[in-house]
C-alpha cells in the first residue's frame, strides 16, 4: 500500500504526514510526500517532529511526478491549493483531502510560531493515525 501526501511546497505538512505514516505504519505501508513545488524541508517542522521522537530530518523536499502518482494507492492532499492543482489521478487511486493550516506562514513570536507548528503537527498525527487504523482494519477484514 503506497500513500502519497501532497501539498504546495513539500516543506511542512506533507513532510510531517509522511513521518507519521512511517511511524504509525510500522513498515506496513510505503509513505511518500511531495509538493507542487519543492521549498525545502522546514527546520521548524523537523524540530516539532523531533519533540515527539519522530526524525524527518533525512526526508527530501520533492516535486510530485507522474511516477509517484502512478504508484500511489492513496493520495492525501493536505492543503487546499494542492487539492485545486493536483495532477490528474488515475481512477484506481483513492483521494483524500485534509484542509490543514500552513504553519510555515505563522506570524508572531517564536513561542507563538512554535505553538502553531505543534498544533498542526498534532492535528496531522491524529489524522494519519486514524487513516492507518482504518487501513489496518480493512486489511484485517480481507
C-alpha atoms as a PDB file:
ATOM      1  CA  UNK A   1       0.000   0.000   0.000  1.00  0.00           C
ATOM      2  CA  UNK A   2       1.560   3.291  -1.141  1.00  0.00           C
ATOM      3  CA  UNK A   3       0.397   6.549   0.441  1.00  0.00           C
ATOM      4  CA  UNK A   4       1.384   9.898  -1.095  1.00  0.00           C
ATOM      5  CA  UNK A   5       0.935  13.093   0.913  1.00  0.00           C
ATOM      6  CA  UNK A   6       0.775  16.114  -1.347  1.00  0.00           C
ATOM      7  CA  UNK A   7       0.970  19.829  -0.541  1.00  0.00           C
ATOM      8  CA  UNK A   8       2.140  23.001  -2.200  1.00  0.00           C
ATOM      9  CA  UNK A   9       5.811  23.196  -1.184  1.00  0.00           C
ATOM     10  CA  UNK A  10       6.542  19.835   0.493  1.00  0.00           C
ATOM     11  CA  UNK A  11       8.214  21.586   3.416  1.00  0.00           C
ATOM     12  CA  UNK A  12       5.945  21.115   6.463  1.00  0.00           C
ATOM     13  CA  UNK A  13       2.527  19.444   6.408  1.00  0.00           C
ATOM     14  CA  UNK A  14       3.180  16.696   3.880  1.00  0.00           C
ATOM     15  CA  UNK A  15       6.601  16.033   5.409  1.00  0.00           C
ATOM     16  CA  UNK A  16       5.108  15.625   8.884  1.00  0.00           C
ATOM     17  CA  UNK A  17       2.360  13.381   7.475  1.00  0.00           C
ATOM     18  CA  UNK A  18       4.968  11.182   5.791  1.00  0.00           C
ATOM     19  CA  UNK A  19       6.874  10.914   9.068  1.00  0.00           C
ATOM     20  CA  UNK A  20       3.737   9.977  10.990  1.00  0.00           C
ATOM     21  CA  UNK A  21       2.737   7.390   8.361  1.00  0.00           C
ATOM     22  CA  UNK A  22       6.151   5.735   8.593  1.00  0.00           C
ATOM     23  CA  UNK A  23       5.912   5.784  12.388  1.00  0.00           C
ATOM     24  CA  UNK A  24       2.330   4.522  12.745  1.00  0.00           C
ATOM     25  CA  UNK A  25       2.520   2.221   9.706  1.00  0.00           C
ATOM     26  CA  UNK A  26       5.422   0.297  11.220  1.00  0.00           C
ATOM     27  CA  UNK A  27       6.701  -0.839   7.815  1.00  0.00           C
ATOM     28  CA  UNK A  28       3.313  -1.992   6.542  1.00  0.00           C
ATOM     29  CA  UNK A  29       2.904   0.969   4.181  1.00  0.00           C
ATOM     30  CA  UNK A  30       5.137   2.951   1.867  1.00  0.00           C
ATOM     31  CA  UNK A  31       4.783   6.633   2.703  1.00  0.00           C
ATOM     32  CA  UNK A  32       5.923   9.399   0.378  1.00  0.00           C
ATOM     33  CA  UNK A  33       5.442  13.127   0.285  1.00  0.00           C
ATOM     34  CA  UNK A  34       5.793  15.638  -2.497  1.00  0.00           C
ATOM     35  CA  UNK A  35       4.753  19.113  -3.464  1.00  0.00           C
ATOM     36  CA  UNK A  36       3.616  21.011  -6.480  1.00  0.00           C
ATOM     37  CA  UNK A  37       6.925  22.801  -5.840  1.00  0.00           C
ATOM     38  CA  UNK A  38       9.894  21.927  -3.595  1.00  0.00           C
ATOM     39  CA  UNK A  39      10.519  24.589  -0.938  1.00  0.00           C
ATOM     40  CA  UNK A  40      12.979  22.549   1.141  1.00  0.00           C
ATOM     41  CA  UNK A  41      12.414  20.815   4.456  1.00  0.00           C
ATOM     42  CA  UNK A  42      11.339  23.355   7.085  1.00  0.00           C
ATOM     43  CA  UNK A  43      13.594  23.201  10.182  1.00  0.00           C
ATOM     44  CA  UNK A  44      10.652  24.051  12.462  1.00  0.00           C
ATOM     45  CA  UNK A  45       8.753  21.021  11.134  1.00  0.00           C
ATOM     46  CA  UNK A  46      11.818  18.862  11.803  1.00  0.00           C
ATOM     47  CA  UNK A  47      12.061  20.256  15.353  1.00  0.00           C
ATOM     48  CA  UNK A  48       8.337  19.760  16.037  1.00  0.00           C
ATOM     49  CA  UNK A  49       8.528  16.126  14.974  1.00  0.00           C
ATOM     50  CA  UNK A  50      11.764  15.540  16.882  1.00  0.00           C
ATOM     51  CA  UNK A  51       9.957  16.687  20.062  1.00  0.00           C
ATOM     52  CA  UNK A  52       7.754  13.600  19.822  1.00  0.00           C
ATOM     53  CA  UNK A  53      10.508  11.214  18.796  1.00  0.00           C
ATOM     54  CA  UNK A  54       9.995  11.109  15.026  1.00  0.00           C
ATOM     55  CA  UNK A  55      13.003  12.021  12.877  1.00  0.00           C
ATOM     56  CA  UNK A  56      12.137  13.504   9.491  1.00  0.00           C
ATOM     57  CA  UNK A  57      15.450  15.316   9.048  1.00  0.00           C
ATOM     58  CA  UNK A  58      16.574  12.856   6.363  1.00  0.00           C
ATOM     59  CA  UNK A  59      13.436  13.290   4.208  1.00  0.00           C
ATOM     60  CA  UNK A  60      13.762  15.241   0.974  1.00  0.00           C
ATOM     61  CA  UNK A  61      11.551  18.017  -0.380  1.00  0.00           C
ATOM     62  CA  UNK A  62      10.499  16.836  -3.837  1.00  0.00           C
ATOM     63  CA  UNK A  63       8.188  17.825  -6.656  1.00  0.00           C
ATOM     64  CA  UNK A  64       5.405  15.369  -7.449  1.00  0.00           C
ATOM     65  CA  UNK A  65       5.881  13.482 -10.689  1.00  0.00           C
ATOM     66  CA  UNK A  66       3.901  11.056 -12.817  1.00  0.00           C
ATOM     67  CA  UNK A  67       5.660   8.012 -11.333  1.00  0.00           C
ATOM     68  CA  UNK A  68       4.641   8.998  -7.789  1.00  0.00           C
ATOM     69  CA  UNK A  69       1.040   9.473  -8.861  1.00  0.00           C
ATOM     70  CA  UNK A  70       1.002   6.174 -10.766  1.00  0.00           C
ATOM     71  CA  UNK A  71       2.440   4.189  -7.844  1.00  0.00           C
ATOM     72  CA  UNK A  72       0.085   5.640  -5.221  1.00  0.00           C
ATOM     73  CA  UNK A  73      -2.850   3.708  -3.840  1.00  0.00           C
ATOM     74  CA  UNK A  74      -3.947   6.705  -1.769  1.00  0.00           C
ATOM     75  CA  UNK A  75      -3.206  10.387  -2.335  1.00  0.00           C
ATOM     76  CA  UNK A  76      -3.864  12.757   0.540  1.00  0.00           C
ATOM     77  CA  UNK A  77      -3.787  16.453  -0.262  1.00  0.00           C
ATOM     78  CA  UNK A  78      -3.013  18.355   2.930  1.00  0.00           C
ATOM     79  CA  UNK A  79      -3.756  21.869   1.698  1.00  0.00           C
ATOM     80  CA  UNK A  80      -6.455  23.462  -0.407  1.00  0.00           C
ATOM     81  CA  UNK A  81      -4.012  24.774  -3.034  1.00  0.00           C
ATOM     82  CA  UNK A  82      -2.661  21.264  -3.675  1.00  0.00           C
ATOM     83  CA  UNK A  83      -6.197  19.893  -3.957  1.00  0.00           C
ATOM     84  CA  UNK A  84      -7.128  22.538  -6.516  1.00  0.00           C
ATOM     85  CA  UNK A  85      -3.938  21.989  -8.555  1.00  0.00           C
ATOM     86  CA  UNK A  86      -3.411  18.258  -8.059  1.00  0.00           C
ATOM     87  CA  UNK A  87      -2.329  16.470 -11.227  1.00  0.00           C
ATOM     88  CA  UNK A  88      -4.805  14.101 -12.844  1.00  0.00           C
ATOM     89  CA  UNK A  89      -5.110  10.991 -10.710  1.00  0.00           C
ATOM     90  CA  UNK A  90      -5.872   7.522 -12.126  1.00  0.00           C
ATOM     91  CA  UNK A  91      -9.314   6.175 -11.262  1.00  0.00           C
ATOM     92  CA  UNK A  92      -7.980   3.365  -9.030  1.00  0.00           C
ATOM     93  CA  UNK A  93      -6.305   5.834  -6.657  1.00  0.00           C
ATOM     94  CA  UNK A  94      -8.237   6.779  -3.537  1.00  0.00           C
ATOM     95  CA  UNK A  95      -8.131  10.528  -2.915  1.00  0.00           C
ATOM     96  CA  UNK A  96      -8.493  12.213   0.470  1.00  0.00           C
ATOM     97  CA  UNK A  97      -8.282  15.875   1.379  1.00  0.00           C
ATOM     98  CA  UNK A  98      -7.266  17.415   4.699  1.00  0.00           C
ATOM     99  CA  UNK A  99      -7.509  21.205   4.784  1.00  0.00           C
ATOM    100  CA  UNK A 100      -4.652  21.988   7.170  1.00  0.00           C
ATOM    101  CA  UNK A 101      -3.275  25.355   8.205  1.00  0.00           C
ATOM    102  CA  UNK A 102       0.210  26.091   6.859  1.00  0.00           C
ATOM    103  CA  UNK A 103       2.457  26.531   9.892  1.00  0.00           C
ATOM    104  CA  UNK A 104       5.196  27.973   7.672  1.00  0.00           C
ATOM    105  CA  UNK A 105       3.023  31.086   7.294  1.00  0.00           C
ATOM    106  CA  UNK A 106       2.625  31.537  11.058  1.00  0.00           C
ATOM    107  CA  UNK A 107       3.298  35.021  12.402  1.00  0.00           C
ATOM    108  CA  UNK A 108       4.151  36.147  15.897  1.00  0.00           C
ATOM    109  CA  UNK A 109       6.795  35.490  18.473  1.00  0.00           C
ATOM    110  CA  UNK A 110       8.959  32.400  18.336  1.00  0.00           C
ATOM    111  CA  UNK A 111       6.823  30.887  21.113  1.00  0.00           C
ATOM    112  CA  UNK A 112       3.608  31.578  19.175  1.00  0.00           C
ATOM    113  CA  UNK A 113       5.026  30.157  15.937  1.00  0.00           C
ATOM    114  CA  UNK A 114       6.279  27.034  17.731  1.00  0.00           C
ATOM    115  CA  UNK A 115       2.826  26.609  19.258  1.00  0.00           C
ATOM    116  CA  UNK A 116       1.231  26.693  15.796  1.00  0.00           C
ATOM    117  CA  UNK A 117       3.695  24.095  14.473  1.00  0.00           C
ATOM    118  CA  UNK A 118       2.866  21.850  17.429  1.00  0.00           C
ATOM    119  CA  UNK A 119      -0.889  22.253  16.963  1.00  0.00           C
ATOM    120  CA  UNK A 120      -0.720  21.471  13.240  1.00  0.00           C
ATOM    121  CA  UNK A 121       1.670  18.570  13.952  1.00  0.00           C
ATOM    122  CA  UNK A 122      -0.795  17.115  16.455  1.00  0.00           C
ATOM    123  CA  UNK A 123      -3.710  17.504  14.033  1.00  0.00           C
ATOM    124  CA  UNK A 124      -1.736  15.735  11.309  1.00  0.00           C
ATOM    125  CA  UNK A 125      -0.778  12.990  13.749  1.00  0.00           C
ATOM    126  CA  UNK A 126      -4.408  12.369  14.657  1.00  0.00           C
ATOM    127  CA  UNK A 127      -5.471  12.229  11.005  1.00  0.00           C
ATOM    128  CA  UNK A 128      -2.642   9.916   9.961  1.00  0.00           C
ATOM    129  CA  UNK A 129      -3.231   7.657  12.974  1.00  0.00           C
ATOM    130  CA  UNK A 130      -6.901   7.421  12.045  1.00  0.00           C
ATOM    131  CA  UNK A 131      -6.081   6.659   8.391  1.00  0.00           C
ATOM    132  CA  UNK A 132      -3.574   3.953   9.335  1.00  0.00           C
ATOM    133  CA  UNK A 133      -6.105   2.467  11.775  1.00  0.00           C
ATOM    134  CA  UNK A 134      -8.734   2.381   9.030  1.00  0.00           C
ATOM    135  CA  UNK A 135      -6.317   0.745   6.583  1.00  0.00           C
ATOM    136  CA  UNK A 136      -5.288  -1.858   9.158  1.00  0.00           C
ATOM    137  CA  UNK A 137      -8.958  -2.621   9.897  1.00  0.00           C
ATOM    138  CA  UNK A 138      -9.602  -3.032   6.151  1.00  0.00           C
ATOM    139  CA  UNK A 139      -6.679  -5.459   5.898  1.00  0.00           C
ATOM    140  CA  UNK A 140      -7.951  -7.466   8.867  1.00  0.00           C
ATOM    141  CA  UNK A 141     -11.350  -7.888   7.193  1.00  0.00           C
ATOM    142  CA  UNK A 142      -9.853  -9.256   3.971  1.00  0.00           C
END
